[in-house]
Protein backbone atom coordinates (compact mmCIF):
# COMPACT_ATOMS: atom_id res chain seq x y z
CA MET A 1 -18.84 -3.70 30.82
CA ALA A 2 -17.94 -1.69 27.56
CA GLU A 3 -14.47 -0.28 27.42
CA SER A 4 -13.84 3.32 27.22
CA ALA A 5 -12.77 4.79 24.14
CA SER A 6 -9.65 6.31 25.77
CA ASP A 7 -8.55 2.65 27.64
CA TRP A 8 -6.74 1.65 24.95
CA ALA A 9 -4.59 4.61 24.28
CA ILE A 10 -4.06 4.59 27.99
CA ALA A 11 -2.46 1.12 27.76
CA LEU A 12 -0.46 1.78 24.74
CA LYS A 13 0.88 4.66 26.36
CA LYS A 14 1.84 3.07 29.43
CA ALA A 15 3.48 -0.09 27.29
CA LEU A 16 5.28 2.17 25.28
CA ALA A 17 6.58 4.26 28.57
CA ARG A 18 8.46 1.08 29.71
CA TRP A 19 10.72 1.79 26.36
CA GLU A 20 10.52 5.59 26.95
CA VAL A 21 8.59 6.11 23.73
CA THR A 22 6.03 8.46 23.90
CA LEU A 23 3.49 9.67 21.18
CA SER A 24 2.19 12.94 20.31
CA PRO A 25 -1.68 13.84 20.22
CA ASP A 26 -1.58 14.23 16.43
CA GLN A 27 -0.07 10.35 16.39
CA LEU A 28 -2.56 8.53 18.69
CA GLU A 29 -5.19 10.27 16.69
CA TYR A 30 -3.76 8.70 13.93
CA PHE A 31 -3.95 5.00 15.78
CA GLN A 32 -7.91 5.72 16.81
CA VAL A 33 -8.30 6.17 13.04
CA TYR A 34 -6.05 3.04 12.56
CA LEU A 35 -8.18 1.52 15.16
CA THR A 36 -11.31 2.50 13.57
CA GLU A 37 -10.87 1.01 10.54
CA LEU A 38 -9.54 -2.11 11.53
CA SER A 39 -12.29 -2.96 13.51
CA HIS A 40 -14.77 -2.08 10.69
CA TRP A 41 -12.93 -4.01 8.16
CA ASN A 42 -12.13 -7.03 10.30
CA GLU A 43 -15.99 -7.68 10.24
CA LYS A 44 -15.85 -8.46 6.53
CA ILE A 45 -12.36 -9.83 6.11
CA ASN A 46 -9.91 -11.65 8.39
CA LEU A 47 -7.42 -8.84 9.58
CA THR A 48 -6.85 -10.13 13.03
CA ALA A 49 -7.99 -12.38 15.85
CA LEU A 50 -8.12 -9.53 18.25
CA LYS A 51 -11.52 -7.73 18.97
CA GLU A 52 -11.28 -5.39 21.68
CA PRO A 53 -9.46 -2.11 20.97
CA ARG A 54 -7.09 -2.80 24.28
CA HIS A 55 -5.60 -6.23 23.20
CA ILE A 56 -5.38 -4.59 19.38
CA ALA A 57 -3.19 -1.54 21.20
CA LEU A 58 -0.97 -3.99 22.96
CA GLY A 59 -1.50 -6.96 20.62
CA HIS A 60 -0.12 -5.07 17.29
CA PHE A 61 0.21 -1.44 18.00
CA ALA A 62 2.75 -1.72 20.84
CA ASP A 63 3.87 -5.03 19.18
CA SER A 64 4.69 -3.28 16.15
CA LEU A 65 6.83 -0.55 18.18
CA ALA A 66 8.68 -2.58 20.62
CA PRO A 67 11.85 -2.47 18.09
CA MET A 68 12.25 1.06 19.08
CA ILE A 69 13.97 0.36 22.36
CA ILE A 70 16.79 -0.19 20.39
CA ASP A 71 18.12 3.45 20.58
CA LYS A 72 20.83 3.28 17.76
CA VAL A 73 18.23 1.64 14.84
CA PHE A 74 16.16 4.34 15.29
CA GLU A 75 18.81 7.34 15.52
CA ASN A 76 18.22 7.81 11.73
CA LYS A 77 14.98 9.82 11.59
CA HIS A 78 14.77 9.69 7.54
CA ALA A 79 15.24 5.84 7.68
CA MET A 80 13.70 3.60 4.68
CA ALA A 81 11.98 0.50 5.45
CA ILE A 82 9.81 -2.00 3.47
CA ASP A 83 7.36 -4.75 5.40
CA ILE A 84 6.81 -7.31 3.04
CA GLY A 85 3.70 -9.25 4.17
CA THR A 86 2.60 -6.56 5.69
CA GLY A 87 -0.97 -8.11 6.49
CA ALA A 88 -2.91 -5.43 8.17
CA GLY A 89 -0.27 -3.16 8.09
CA PHE A 90 1.66 -4.68 11.03
CA PRO A 91 4.60 -3.55 11.58
CA GLY A 92 5.28 -1.23 9.09
CA LEU A 93 2.20 1.38 9.20
CA PRO A 94 2.92 1.75 13.39
CA LEU A 95 6.57 2.41 12.69
CA LYS A 96 5.72 5.09 10.29
CA VAL A 97 3.13 6.72 12.38
CA ALA A 98 5.57 6.70 15.09
CA ASN A 99 8.50 7.99 12.78
CA PRO A 100 7.00 10.05 10.58
CA LEU A 101 9.84 11.19 8.49
CA TRP A 102 10.62 7.50 7.65
CA LYS A 103 10.03 6.24 4.02
CA VAL A 104 7.91 3.27 4.49
CA THR A 105 6.78 0.42 1.86
CA LEU A 106 4.52 -1.93 2.75
CA VAL A 107 4.11 -5.00 0.24
CA GLU A 108 1.00 -7.38 0.38
CA SER A 109 -0.11 -10.03 -2.08
CA ILE A 110 -3.80 -10.11 -0.73
CA GLY A 111 -6.50 -7.97 -2.56
CA LYS A 112 -8.99 -7.64 0.03
CA LYS A 113 -5.96 -6.64 2.65
CA CYS A 114 -4.72 -4.29 0.17
CA ASP A 115 -8.27 -2.44 -0.09
CA PHE A 116 -7.92 -2.27 3.51
CA LEU A 117 -4.30 -0.51 3.69
CA ARG A 118 -5.63 1.83 0.84
CA ALA A 119 -8.59 2.89 3.10
CA VAL A 120 -6.53 3.42 6.05
CA ILE A 121 -3.42 4.97 4.95
CA PRO A 122 -4.46 8.56 3.81
CA GLY A 123 -5.87 8.79 7.30
CA ALA A 124 -3.05 7.16 9.42
CA ALA A 125 0.11 7.62 7.61
CA GLU A 126 1.85 8.43 4.35
CA ALA A 127 3.13 5.00 3.49
CA ARG A 128 3.62 3.61 0.39
CA LEU A 129 1.55 0.43 -0.97
CA GLU A 130 3.00 -2.32 -3.29
CA SER A 131 0.43 -4.70 -4.16
CA VAL A 132 1.88 -7.97 -5.42
CA ASP A 133 -0.24 -10.41 -7.37
CA ARG A 134 1.54 -13.91 -6.45
CA CYS A 135 3.08 -15.30 -3.56
CA MET A 136 6.90 -15.24 -2.73
CA TYR A 137 8.61 -18.05 -1.22
CA ASP A 138 11.97 -17.71 -0.02
CA VAL A 139 14.30 -21.22 0.21
CA THR A 140 17.79 -21.19 0.13
CA ALA A 141 19.52 -24.54 -1.43
CA ASP A 142 20.82 -25.89 1.97
CA GLU A 143 16.53 -25.01 3.33
CA ASP A 144 18.86 -22.66 6.24
CA PHE A 145 18.54 -18.86 6.87
CA ILE A 146 20.77 -16.40 5.96
CA LEU A 147 22.01 -13.83 8.15
CA ASP A 148 24.88 -11.83 7.12
CA TYR A 149 26.08 -8.21 6.05
CA HIS A 150 25.60 -7.50 2.04
CA PRO A 151 29.05 -8.16 0.64
CA GLY A 152 28.91 -4.60 -0.20
CA GLY A 153 29.34 -2.96 3.05
CA ARG A 154 28.41 -3.87 6.65
CA GLY A 155 25.39 -0.91 6.24
CA VAL A 156 23.16 -3.45 4.48
CA LEU A 157 21.53 -6.71 6.28
CA ILE A 158 20.72 -9.58 4.62
CA ALA A 159 18.03 -11.94 6.08
CA SER A 160 16.54 -14.40 3.70
CA GLY A 161 15.16 -18.36 3.36
CA PHE A 162 12.23 -18.15 6.02
CA SER A 163 9.35 -19.48 4.00
CA GLY A 164 8.05 -22.84 5.79
CA HIS A 165 9.83 -22.83 9.15
CA GLY A 166 11.16 -19.61 9.64
CA PHE A 167 7.89 -18.40 11.40
CA LYS A 168 9.01 -20.47 14.70
CA PHE A 169 12.41 -18.39 14.92
CA GLY A 170 10.83 -15.23 14.53
CA VAL A 171 11.87 -13.85 17.88
CA LEU A 172 15.54 -15.30 17.73
CA VAL A 173 15.97 -14.10 14.35
CA GLY A 174 14.59 -10.63 14.75
CA ARG A 175 17.61 -10.54 18.05
CA LEU A 176 20.26 -11.71 16.06
CA LEU A 177 19.54 -9.17 13.39
CA SER A 178 19.62 -6.08 16.14
CA THR A 179 23.09 -7.82 17.19
CA LEU A 180 24.36 -7.36 13.24
CA ALA A 181 22.64 -3.98 13.14
CA LEU A 182 23.90 -2.94 16.09
CA ASP A 183 27.80 -4.53 15.22
CA THR A 184 27.63 -6.25 18.57
CA GLU A 185 28.49 -9.73 19.36
CA PRO A 186 25.54 -12.22 18.93
CA GLU A 187 24.56 -14.83 21.22
CA PHE A 188 25.91 -17.58 19.45
CA PRO A 189 28.33 -18.14 16.29
CA LEU A 190 26.42 -17.44 12.85
CA GLU A 191 28.80 -19.03 10.79
CA ARG A 192 26.25 -21.48 9.75
CA PHE A 193 23.97 -18.78 8.45
CA ARG A 194 26.66 -16.87 6.51
CA LEU A 195 26.81 -16.11 2.73
CA THR A 196 29.77 -17.36 2.43
CA ARG A 197 28.82 -20.85 2.77
CA PHE A 198 27.62 -21.18 -0.69
CA ALA A 199 30.92 -19.53 -2.05
CA HIS A 200 31.84 -23.04 -3.32
CA ASP A 201 28.92 -23.20 -5.47
CA ALA A 202 29.28 -19.85 -7.31
CA THR A 203 30.61 -20.40 -10.93
CA PRO A 204 34.13 -19.40 -11.46
């Protein structure tokens, strides 16, 4: 049986309701534009393995908005965010739709994906798109991650060194960064990921 045009929206609203996140009719309309363009472009270029609207709503839209459960992170209604390697716009574009006052920059290196984002952004959200012409690799000297506050102040977090094996730890890294952002005790000590481990390499 063909999926009702509203089934995906009902599924999305139910998923977000568990996190006490609600979308206005205009925001749902934005997601409809996003969904339509994504499905259309996905027939020409590989943007997502998900095909059914309900699966896209839950596997991409809801998943991108999951961090909104952390209230303190989203108290700033005028936040700025950069989504590097955004692909089809996840999670940056859904976060922009749900937080219209945010200033969001999407960074993508693959030209065809940039073409898709240029097509969808005017109708879905006023996010900024930056196209880069090369692939960026991010590896530290000891090939381990950096998870720490910026030396200049605890208002900025640094998360780096994820090229290669970083994707395997995405969920865990996200949880650890959340504890740093909220200034709470992490699940385990983060000394091995601190910037200070490179202090002995610095030039006097």
